[in-house]
């Protein structure tokens, strides 16, 4: 399986997982010229920008280690652009969530970190 296929599989797993947690997915793979946001969802009047990191092993580090400061800054710029483009009112509260998936076993290990940064 290619890294792109692993990423798509992780996003699909995450989408189902988040729906069970009460999230309403409003957008998947929002793209613009400077990047992509994996998932955007609402939960209890909170707009969440969700980064999904999927790994098939921890050989090269955990999925969470891939969320570097520069990745966080990029996601912040992307979220600001999304808010501007979609005319999201300033009264809507936003946060960044991270979903880390490790698929070493038959059943994936899924960790949700709300308001991660």
N, C-alpha and C. Protein backbone atom coordinates (compact mmCIF):
# COMPACT_ATOMS: atom_id res chain seq x y z
N UNK A 1 0.85 -1.17 0.00
CA UNK A 1 0.00 0.00 0.00
C UNK A 1 0.90 1.24 0.00
N UNK A 2 0.59 2.22 -0.86
CA UNK A 2 1.38 3.45 -0.92
C UNK A 2 1.06 4.35 0.27
N UNK A 3 1.92 5.32 0.52
CA UNK A 3 1.67 6.25 1.64
C UNK A 3 0.39 7.04 1.41
N UNK A 4 0.09 7.35 0.16
CA UNK A 4 -1.15 8.07 -0.15
C UNK A 4 -2.37 7.21 0.18
N UNK A 5 -2.31 5.93 -0.16
CA UNK A 5 -3.40 5.01 0.15
C UNK A 5 -3.57 4.83 1.66
N UNK A 6 -2.45 4.76 2.36
CA UNK A 6 -2.49 4.66 3.83
C UNK A 6 -3.15 5.90 4.41
N UNK A 7 -2.79 7.07 3.88
CA UNK A 7 -3.39 8.32 4.34
C UNK A 7 -4.89 8.36 4.11
N UNK A 8 -5.33 7.96 2.91
CA UNK A 8 -6.77 7.94 2.62
C UNK A 8 -7.50 6.96 3.53
N UNK A 9 -6.90 5.81 3.78
CA UNK A 9 -7.51 4.81 4.67
C UNK A 9 -7.62 5.38 6.08
N UNK A 10 -6.56 6.04 6.55
CA UNK A 10 -6.58 6.66 7.87
C UNK A 10 -7.66 7.73 7.99
N UNK A 11 -7.83 8.52 6.94
CA UNK A 11 -8.88 9.55 6.96
C UNK A 11 -10.27 8.94 6.99
N UNK A 12 -10.47 7.85 6.25
CA UNK A 12 -11.77 7.17 6.26
C UNK A 12 -12.07 6.58 7.65
N UNK A 13 -11.06 5.95 8.26
CA UNK A 13 -11.21 5.40 9.61
C UNK A 13 -11.53 6.53 10.59
N UNK A 14 -10.81 7.64 10.45
CA UNK A 14 -11.01 8.79 11.34
C UNK A 14 -12.40 9.36 11.19
N UNK A 15 -12.87 9.47 9.97
CA UNK A 15 -14.21 10.04 9.75
C UNK A 15 -15.27 9.22 10.48
N UNK A 16 -15.21 7.91 10.36
CA UNK A 16 -16.18 7.05 11.05
C UNK A 16 -16.02 7.16 12.57
N UNK A 17 -14.77 7.18 13.04
CA UNK A 17 -14.49 7.30 14.46
C UNK A 17 -15.06 8.60 15.02
N UNK A 18 -14.81 9.72 14.31
CA UNK A 18 -15.28 11.02 14.79
C UNK A 18 -16.80 11.12 14.80
N UNK A 19 -17.45 10.54 13.82
CA UNK A 19 -18.91 10.54 13.79
C UNK A 19 -19.46 9.86 15.04
N UNK A 20 -18.82 8.77 15.47
CA UNK A 20 -19.25 8.08 16.69
C UNK A 20 -19.00 8.92 17.93
N UNK A 21 -18.04 9.87 17.84
CA UNK A 21 -17.72 10.75 18.96
C UNK A 21 -18.60 12.01 18.96
N UNK A 22 -19.51 12.13 17.99
CA UNK A 22 -20.43 13.26 17.95
C UNK A 22 -20.02 14.39 17.01
N UNK A 23 -18.98 14.19 16.22
CA UNK A 23 -18.56 15.20 15.25
C UNK A 23 -19.45 15.13 14.01
N UNK A 24 -19.72 16.29 13.42
CA UNK A 24 -20.42 16.36 12.13
C UNK A 24 -19.40 16.84 11.11
N UNK A 25 -18.99 15.95 10.22
CA UNK A 25 -17.99 16.27 9.20
C UNK A 25 -18.62 17.21 8.17
N UNK A 26 -17.98 18.35 7.94
CA UNK A 26 -18.52 19.28 6.95
C UNK A 26 -17.62 19.38 5.71
N UNK A 27 -16.38 18.98 5.84
CA UNK A 27 -15.49 19.02 4.68
C UNK A 27 -14.35 18.03 4.88
N UNK A 28 -13.95 17.43 3.76
CA UNK A 28 -12.82 16.50 3.77
C UNK A 28 -11.83 16.94 2.71
N UNK A 29 -10.57 17.00 3.07
CA UNK A 29 -9.49 17.37 2.16
C UNK A 29 -9.71 18.75 1.53
N UNK A 30 -9.90 19.76 2.38
CA UNK A 30 -9.98 21.14 1.88
C UNK A 30 -8.60 21.55 1.38
N UNK A 31 -8.52 21.92 0.10
CA UNK A 31 -7.24 22.24 -0.51
C UNK A 31 -7.22 23.67 -1.02
N UNK A 32 -6.05 24.27 -0.93
CA UNK A 32 -5.79 25.55 -1.57
C UNK A 32 -4.34 25.52 -2.03
N UNK A 33 -3.87 26.61 -2.56
CA UNK A 33 -2.54 26.62 -3.18
C UNK A 33 -1.40 26.34 -2.19
N UNK A 34 -1.64 26.52 -0.89
CA UNK A 34 -0.55 26.33 0.06
C UNK A 34 -0.76 25.19 1.05
N UNK A 35 -1.68 24.27 0.73
CA UNK A 35 -1.80 23.11 1.59
C UNK A 35 -3.20 22.51 1.63
N UNK A 36 -3.38 21.63 2.60
CA UNK A 36 -4.62 20.87 2.74
C UNK A 36 -4.95 20.64 4.21
N UNK A 37 -6.24 20.73 4.51
CA UNK A 37 -6.74 20.35 5.84
C UNK A 37 -7.47 19.03 5.66
N UNK A 38 -7.12 18.03 6.44
CA UNK A 38 -7.68 16.69 6.25
C UNK A 38 -9.19 16.66 6.46
N UNK A 39 -9.64 17.10 7.63
CA UNK A 39 -11.07 17.10 7.94
C UNK A 39 -11.44 18.38 8.68
N UNK A 40 -12.65 18.84 8.41
CA UNK A 40 -13.20 19.98 9.13
C UNK A 40 -14.57 19.54 9.62
N UNK A 41 -14.83 19.77 10.92
CA UNK A 41 -16.06 19.25 11.51
C UNK A 41 -16.56 20.16 12.61
N UNK A 42 -17.83 20.02 12.92
CA UNK A 42 -18.44 20.69 14.07
C UNK A 42 -18.72 19.67 15.15
N UNK A 43 -18.54 20.10 16.39
CA UNK A 43 -18.99 19.33 17.54
C UNK A 43 -19.37 20.33 18.62
N UNK A 44 -20.63 20.31 18.98
CA UNK A 44 -21.13 21.20 20.03
C UNK A 44 -20.71 22.65 19.80
N UNK A 45 -21.02 23.18 18.63
CA UNK A 45 -20.77 24.57 18.26
C UNK A 45 -19.28 24.93 18.16
N UNK A 46 -18.42 23.93 18.15
CA UNK A 46 -16.98 24.14 18.00
C UNK A 46 -16.58 23.67 16.61
N UNK A 47 -15.90 24.55 15.87
CA UNK A 47 -15.39 24.19 14.56
C UNK A 47 -13.99 23.61 14.74
N UNK A 48 -13.81 22.37 14.31
CA UNK A 48 -12.53 21.68 14.50
C UNK A 48 -11.84 21.46 13.16
N UNK A 49 -10.58 21.85 13.12
CA UNK A 49 -9.71 21.56 11.99
C UNK A 49 -8.89 20.35 12.42
N UNK A 50 -9.03 19.25 11.69
CA UNK A 50 -8.51 17.97 12.15
C UNK A 50 -7.40 17.48 11.24
N UNK A 51 -6.25 17.25 11.84
CA UNK A 51 -5.11 16.68 11.13
C UNK A 51 -5.05 15.20 11.46
N UNK A 52 -4.96 14.37 10.42
CA UNK A 52 -4.91 12.92 10.60
C UNK A 52 -3.51 12.44 10.21
N UNK A 53 -2.89 11.71 11.12
CA UNK A 53 -1.58 11.11 10.84
C UNK A 53 -1.70 9.61 11.04
N UNK A 54 -1.41 8.88 9.97
CA UNK A 54 -1.54 7.42 9.98
C UNK A 54 -0.19 6.79 9.70
N UNK A 55 0.16 5.80 10.49
CA UNK A 55 1.40 5.05 10.29
C UNK A 55 1.09 3.56 10.36
N UNK A 56 1.86 2.78 9.61
CA UNK A 56 1.69 1.33 9.67
C UNK A 56 2.64 0.71 10.70
N UNK A 57 3.62 1.49 11.16
CA UNK A 57 4.50 1.04 12.23
C UNK A 57 5.08 2.27 12.91
N UNK A 58 5.69 2.05 14.06
CA UNK A 58 6.33 3.17 14.77
C UNK A 58 7.83 3.21 14.50
N UNK A 59 8.26 2.49 13.49
CA UNK A 59 9.69 2.42 13.16
C UNK A 59 10.29 3.81 12.93
N UNK A 60 9.58 4.67 12.24
CA UNK A 60 10.07 6.03 11.97
C UNK A 60 9.49 7.06 12.94
N UNK A 61 8.95 6.60 14.06
CA UNK A 61 8.37 7.49 15.06
C UNK A 61 6.86 7.37 15.08
N UNK A 62 6.29 7.92 16.12
CA UNK A 62 4.83 7.86 16.28
C UNK A 62 4.17 8.86 15.33
N UNK A 63 2.90 8.65 15.04
CA UNK A 63 2.19 9.60 14.19
C UNK A 63 2.19 11.01 14.78
N UNK A 64 2.13 11.11 16.09
CA UNK A 64 2.09 12.43 16.73
C UNK A 64 3.38 13.22 16.53
N UNK A 65 4.49 12.53 16.39
CA UNK A 65 5.77 13.22 16.19
C UNK A 65 5.82 13.95 14.85
N UNK A 66 4.91 13.62 13.95
CA UNK A 66 4.87 14.28 12.64
C UNK A 66 4.20 15.65 12.70
N UNK A 67 3.59 15.99 13.84
CA UNK A 67 2.93 17.29 13.98
C UNK A 67 3.95 18.28 14.57
N UNK A 68 4.82 18.75 13.72
CA UNK A 68 5.89 19.65 14.13
C UNK A 68 5.36 21.08 14.27
N UNK A 69 6.19 21.97 14.81
CA UNK A 69 5.82 23.39 14.93
C UNK A 69 5.50 23.97 13.56
N UNK A 70 6.32 23.63 12.56
CA UNK A 70 6.07 24.18 11.22
C UNK A 70 4.76 23.65 10.64
N UNK A 71 4.41 22.39 10.92
CA UNK A 71 3.13 21.82 10.48
C UNK A 71 1.98 22.54 11.18
N UNK A 72 2.14 22.83 12.46
CA UNK A 72 1.11 23.56 13.21
C UNK A 72 0.91 24.96 12.63
N UNK A 73 1.99 25.64 12.30
CA UNK A 73 1.89 26.98 11.72
C UNK A 73 1.20 26.94 10.36
N UNK A 74 1.52 25.94 9.57
CA UNK A 74 0.88 25.77 8.26
C UNK A 74 -0.62 25.54 8.42
N UNK A 75 -0.99 24.69 9.37
CA UNK A 75 -2.41 24.42 9.62
C UNK A 75 -3.14 25.67 10.10
N UNK A 76 -2.48 26.48 10.89
CA UNK A 76 -3.08 27.74 11.35
C UNK A 76 -3.35 28.66 10.16
N UNK A 77 -2.38 28.78 9.25
CA UNK A 77 -2.58 29.61 8.05
C UNK A 77 -3.73 29.07 7.20
N UNK A 78 -3.77 27.75 7.03
CA UNK A 78 -4.84 27.13 6.26
C UNK A 78 -6.21 27.37 6.90
N UNK A 79 -6.29 27.23 8.22
CA UNK A 79 -7.55 27.45 8.93
C UNK A 79 -8.00 28.90 8.79
N UNK A 80 -7.08 29.83 8.91
CA UNK A 80 -7.43 31.25 8.75
C UNK A 80 -7.96 31.51 7.34
N UNK A 81 -7.34 30.90 6.36
CA UNK A 81 -7.81 31.06 4.98
C UNK A 81 -9.21 30.45 4.82
N UNK A 82 -9.42 29.28 5.39
CA UNK A 82 -10.73 28.63 5.32
C UNK A 82 -11.80 29.53 5.95
N UNK A 83 -11.51 30.06 7.11
CA UNK A 83 -12.46 30.93 7.82
C UNK A 83 -12.79 32.15 6.96
N UNK A 84 -11.76 32.73 6.35
CA UNK A 84 -11.96 33.89 5.49
C UNK A 84 -12.79 33.52 4.25
N UNK A 85 -12.39 32.46 3.57
CA UNK A 85 -13.04 32.06 2.32
C UNK A 85 -14.50 31.66 2.53
N UNK A 86 -14.79 30.95 3.61
CA UNK A 86 -16.15 30.46 3.89
C UNK A 86 -16.97 31.45 4.71
N UNK A 87 -16.37 32.61 5.03
CA UNK A 87 -17.05 33.66 5.79
C UNK A 87 -17.62 33.14 7.12
N UNK A 88 -16.79 32.40 7.84
CA UNK A 88 -17.18 31.87 9.15
C UNK A 88 -17.23 33.04 10.13
N UNK A 89 -18.34 33.25 10.82
CA UNK A 89 -18.44 34.37 11.77
C UNK A 89 -17.40 34.26 12.89
N UNK A 90 -16.94 35.40 13.35
CA UNK A 90 -15.92 35.42 14.42
C UNK A 90 -16.48 34.89 15.74
N UNK A 91 -17.79 34.76 15.85
CA UNK A 91 -18.40 34.23 17.07
C UNK A 91 -18.23 32.70 17.18
N UNK A 92 -17.87 32.06 16.08
CA UNK A 92 -17.67 30.60 16.09
C UNK A 92 -16.30 30.29 16.68
N UNK A 93 -16.28 29.45 17.68
CA UNK A 93 -15.03 29.04 18.31
C UNK A 93 -14.40 27.93 17.49
N UNK A 94 -13.07 27.98 17.38
CA UNK A 94 -12.34 27.00 16.58
C UNK A 94 -11.25 26.34 17.41
N UNK A 95 -10.88 25.14 17.00
CA UNK A 95 -9.76 24.44 17.63
C UNK A 95 -9.12 23.50 16.62
N UNK A 96 -7.94 23.04 16.97
CA UNK A 96 -7.21 22.08 16.16
C UNK A 96 -7.17 20.75 16.90
N UNK A 97 -7.66 19.72 16.24
CA UNK A 97 -7.62 18.37 16.80
C UNK A 97 -6.68 17.53 15.96
N UNK A 98 -6.08 16.55 16.59
CA UNK A 98 -5.18 15.63 15.88
C UNK A 98 -5.66 14.21 16.15
N UNK A 99 -5.70 13.43 15.08
CA UNK A 99 -6.00 12.01 15.21
C UNK A 99 -4.77 11.25 14.75
N UNK A 100 -4.25 10.42 15.64
CA UNK A 100 -3.07 9.60 15.34
C UNK A 100 -3.52 8.15 15.25
N UNK A 101 -3.18 7.52 14.14
CA UNK A 101 -3.58 6.14 13.92
C UNK A 101 -2.33 5.30 13.67
N UNK A 102 -2.22 4.24 14.44
CA UNK A 102 -1.14 3.28 14.25
C UNK A 102 -1.79 1.96 13.85
N UNK A 103 -1.47 1.48 12.65
CA UNK A 103 -2.12 0.28 12.12
C UNK A 103 -1.18 -0.92 12.12
N UNK A 104 -0.51 -1.14 13.24
CA UNK A 104 0.38 -2.30 13.37
C UNK A 104 -0.39 -3.59 13.61
N UNK A 105 -1.48 -3.49 14.29
CA UNK A 105 -2.29 -4.66 14.65
C UNK A 105 -3.45 -4.81 13.66
N UNK A 106 -4.28 -5.84 13.88
CA UNK A 106 -5.48 -6.02 13.06
C UNK A 106 -6.41 -4.83 13.23
N UNK A 107 -6.59 -4.41 14.47
CA UNK A 107 -7.46 -3.28 14.76
C UNK A 107 -6.58 -2.04 14.98
N UNK A 108 -6.83 -0.95 14.25
CA UNK A 108 -5.99 0.23 14.40
C UNK A 108 -6.09 0.85 15.80
N UNK A 109 -4.97 1.37 16.27
CA UNK A 109 -4.92 2.11 17.52
C UNK A 109 -5.17 3.57 17.18
N UNK A 110 -6.28 4.13 17.65
CA UNK A 110 -6.68 5.50 17.31
C UNK A 110 -6.62 6.36 18.55
N UNK A 111 -5.92 7.49 18.43
CA UNK A 111 -5.85 8.46 19.53
C UNK A 111 -6.35 9.80 19.02
N UNK A 112 -7.30 10.39 19.75
CA UNK A 112 -7.83 11.71 19.44
C UNK A 112 -7.32 12.70 20.47
N UNK A 113 -6.66 13.73 20.00
CA UNK A 113 -6.20 14.80 20.89
C UNK A 113 -6.98 16.05 20.51
N UNK A 114 -7.91 16.46 21.37
CA UNK A 114 -8.70 17.65 21.11
C UNK A 114 -7.93 18.88 21.56
N UNK A 115 -8.16 19.97 20.84
CA UNK A 115 -7.49 21.24 21.14
C UNK A 115 -5.98 21.01 21.31
N UNK A 116 -5.40 20.34 20.33
CA UNK A 116 -4.01 19.86 20.42
C UNK A 116 -2.97 20.97 20.46
N UNK A 117 -3.26 22.07 19.80
CA UNK A 117 -2.32 23.20 19.80
C UNK A 117 -3.05 24.49 19.52
